[in-house]
């Protein structure tokens, strides 16, 4: 079931990419002709931000996310655990900083009254950043738990659709 959902997400990503190319082309050509189309900037921002979440979801559903450990895997076990712990603790801190900054920015965006061309408020563009913040925090906490219970894995890409 997860692989079917991932295929649907991949099709959505492909459509999103085509829409981004078409919108960017329209934006470039219209500016070159001296008559820029105002809504293309907002649409490109919207499509760009909303291409992040389906991409991440697709990789998690296919179980193909990559852990990078080109140096960490060659360290002795204790040093490797300490290094991974420090990196994941920094990841959790970064996630909370990103979450707070996004929340703070939402207040700033809400105070202004920018000209709107798309049928949704500017705060909508921050939804993927909120989701990314929660994903970073969750992944960091999951890895901290994994390290605490002693389940150290080798890094590298998982086989296509398989377990490490």
Protein backbone atom coordinates (compact mmCIF):
# COMPACT_ATOMS: atom_id res chain seq x y z
CA UNK A 1 0.00 0.00 0.00
CA UNK A 2 2.82 2.41 0.91
CA UNK A 3 4.49 1.88 -2.47
CA UNK A 4 1.24 2.72 -4.29
CA UNK A 5 0.89 5.92 -2.28
CA UNK A 6 4.54 6.72 -3.05
CA UNK A 7 3.85 6.27 -6.78
CA UNK A 8 0.90 8.67 -6.56
CA UNK A 9 3.10 11.17 -4.74
CA UNK A 10 5.78 10.76 -7.43
CA UNK A 11 3.18 11.60 -10.10
CA UNK A 12 2.12 14.66 -8.09
CA UNK A 13 5.77 15.71 -7.86
CA UNK A 14 6.18 15.28 -11.62
CA UNK A 15 3.08 17.41 -12.25
CA UNK A 16 4.35 19.98 -9.74
CA UNK A 17 7.70 20.11 -11.56
CA UNK A 18 6.00 20.62 -14.93
CA UNK A 19 3.85 23.41 -13.47
CA UNK A 20 6.95 25.07 -12.02
CA UNK A 21 8.74 24.95 -15.39
CA UNK A 22 5.70 26.33 -17.21
CA UNK A 23 5.22 29.11 -14.63
CA UNK A 24 8.90 30.07 -14.67
CA UNK A 25 8.86 30.14 -18.48
CA UNK A 26 5.78 32.38 -18.44
CA UNK A 27 7.46 34.63 -15.89
CA UNK A 28 10.68 34.94 -17.93
CA UNK A 29 8.94 35.51 -21.26
CA UNK A 30 6.46 38.03 -19.83
CA UNK A 31 9.27 40.00 -18.18
CA UNK A 32 11.28 39.93 -21.39
CA UNK A 33 8.28 41.39 -23.23
CA UNK A 34 7.97 44.15 -20.60
CA UNK A 35 4.61 42.96 -19.24
CA UNK A 36 5.35 40.80 -16.16
CA UNK A 37 2.58 38.60 -14.83
CA UNK A 38 2.40 39.35 -11.09
CA UNK A 39 0.96 36.09 -9.80
CA UNK A 40 3.79 33.95 -11.21
CA UNK A 41 6.11 34.87 -8.33
CA UNK A 42 3.60 33.71 -5.72
CA UNK A 43 2.73 30.57 -7.64
CA UNK A 44 6.41 29.63 -8.01
CA UNK A 45 6.95 30.17 -4.28
CA UNK A 46 3.89 28.07 -3.47
CA UNK A 47 4.85 25.24 -5.85
CA UNK A 48 8.46 25.27 -4.68
CA UNK A 49 7.58 25.05 -1.01
CA UNK A 50 4.97 22.38 -1.57
CA UNK A 51 7.38 20.20 -3.55
CA UNK A 52 9.45 19.57 -0.40
CA UNK A 53 6.88 17.68 1.65
CA UNK A 54 5.70 15.22 -1.04
CA UNK A 55 9.35 14.45 -1.85
CA UNK A 56 10.17 13.65 1.75
CA UNK A 57 6.96 11.63 2.13
CA UNK A 58 7.79 9.62 -0.99
CA UNK A 59 11.24 8.69 0.32
CA UNK A 60 9.91 7.69 3.73
CA UNK A 61 7.16 5.57 2.18
CA UNK A 62 9.72 3.79 -0.03
CA UNK A 63 12.12 3.48 2.93
CA UNK A 64 14.95 4.99 0.86
CA UNK A 65 16.04 7.85 3.09
CA UNK A 66 19.82 8.12 3.46
CA UNK A 67 21.90 8.40 6.59
CA UNK A 68 25.22 10.06 5.94
CA UNK A 69 28.16 8.82 7.96
CA UNK A 70 31.24 8.91 5.78
CA UNK A 71 33.45 9.67 8.80
CA UNK A 72 31.31 8.57 11.74
CA UNK A 73 31.13 4.92 10.64
CA UNK A 74 34.93 4.61 10.82
CA UNK A 75 35.17 5.85 14.41
CA UNK A 76 35.38 3.51 17.40
CA UNK A 77 31.98 2.53 18.81
CA UNK A 78 32.01 4.88 21.83
CA UNK A 79 33.21 7.88 19.85
CA UNK A 80 30.70 7.08 17.10
CA UNK A 81 27.84 7.01 19.60
CA UNK A 82 28.94 10.31 21.17
CA UNK A 83 29.30 11.96 17.76
CA UNK A 84 25.90 10.71 16.57
CA UNK A 85 24.34 11.82 19.85
CA UNK A 86 25.81 15.34 19.52
CA UNK A 87 24.73 15.62 15.88
CA UNK A 88 21.17 14.50 16.63
CA UNK A 89 20.93 16.74 19.69
CA UNK A 90 21.95 19.66 17.45
CA UNK A 91 19.32 18.48 14.95
CA UNK A 92 16.59 18.66 17.62
CA UNK A 93 17.74 22.12 18.73
CA UNK A 94 17.76 23.29 15.10
CA UNK A 95 14.23 21.90 14.63
CA UNK A 96 12.93 23.87 17.62
CA UNK A 97 14.70 27.04 16.42
CA UNK A 98 13.16 26.56 12.96
CA UNK A 99 9.73 25.99 14.52
CA UNK A 100 10.00 29.13 16.68
CA UNK A 101 11.32 31.25 13.80
CA UNK A 102 8.47 30.10 11.56
CA UNK A 103 5.92 30.90 14.26
CA UNK A 104 7.51 34.32 14.80
CA UNK A 105 7.55 34.96 11.04
CA UNK A 106 3.86 34.03 10.81
CA UNK A 107 3.12 36.95 13.13
CA UNK A 108 5.19 39.30 10.98
CA UNK A 109 3.48 38.16 7.77
CA UNK A 110 0.06 38.52 9.37
CA UNK A 111 0.79 42.16 10.30
CA UNK A 112 1.40 43.25 6.71
CA UNK A 113 -1.17 43.54 3.98
CA UNK A 114 0.67 42.42 0.85
CA UNK A 115 -1.08 42.39 -2.49
CA UNK A 116 -2.53 38.94 -3.04
CA UNK A 117 -3.05 37.23 -6.37
CA UNK A 118 -3.61 33.67 -5.21
CA UNK A 119 -6.72 32.60 -3.27
CA UNK A 120 -4.91 31.78 -0.02
CA UNK A 121 -3.20 33.89 2.66
CA UNK A 122 0.60 34.24 2.71
CA UNK A 123 0.78 32.17 5.90
CA UNK A 124 -0.14 29.13 3.77
CA UNK A 125 3.37 29.18 2.31
CA UNK A 126 4.74 28.50 5.80
CA UNK A 127 2.90 25.18 6.26
CA UNK A 128 5.70 23.13 4.65
CA UNK A 129 8.22 24.81 6.95
CA UNK A 130 6.13 23.83 9.99
CA UNK A 131 5.98 20.26 8.70
CA UNK A 132 9.72 20.29 8.04
CA UNK A 133 10.33 21.58 11.59
CA UNK A 134 8.30 18.76 13.10
CA UNK A 135 9.99 16.19 10.83
CA UNK A 136 13.47 17.40 11.87
CA UNK A 137 12.53 17.30 15.57
CA UNK A 138 10.92 13.85 15.26
CA UNK A 139 13.85 12.40 13.32
CA UNK A 140 16.37 13.81 15.80
CA UNK A 141 14.44 12.48 18.81
CA UNK A 142 14.01 9.07 17.13
CA UNK A 143 17.76 8.85 16.50
CA UNK A 144 18.57 9.99 20.06
CA UNK A 145 16.33 7.20 21.37
CA UNK A 146 17.95 4.71 18.98
CA UNK A 147 21.41 5.72 20.19
CA UNK A 148 20.36 5.60 23.87
CA UNK A 149 19.13 2.00 23.58
CA UNK A 150 22.28 1.02 21.67
CA UNK A 151 20.80 0.28 18.27
CA UNK A 152 23.56 1.69 16.03
CA UNK A 153 23.10 1.19 12.30
CA UNK A 154 25.54 1.50 9.45
CA UNK A 155 25.00 4.54 7.27
CA UNK A 156 24.23 4.61 3.59
CA UNK A 157 21.24 4.33 1.35
CA UNK A 158 18.68 1.66 2.02
CA UNK A 159 18.06 -0.75 -0.83
CA UNK A 160 15.14 0.34 -3.00
CA UNK A 161 12.03 -0.31 -0.93
CA UNK A 162 13.85 -2.57 1.51
CA UNK A 163 15.07 -2.67 5.06
CA UNK A 164 18.62 -1.86 6.05
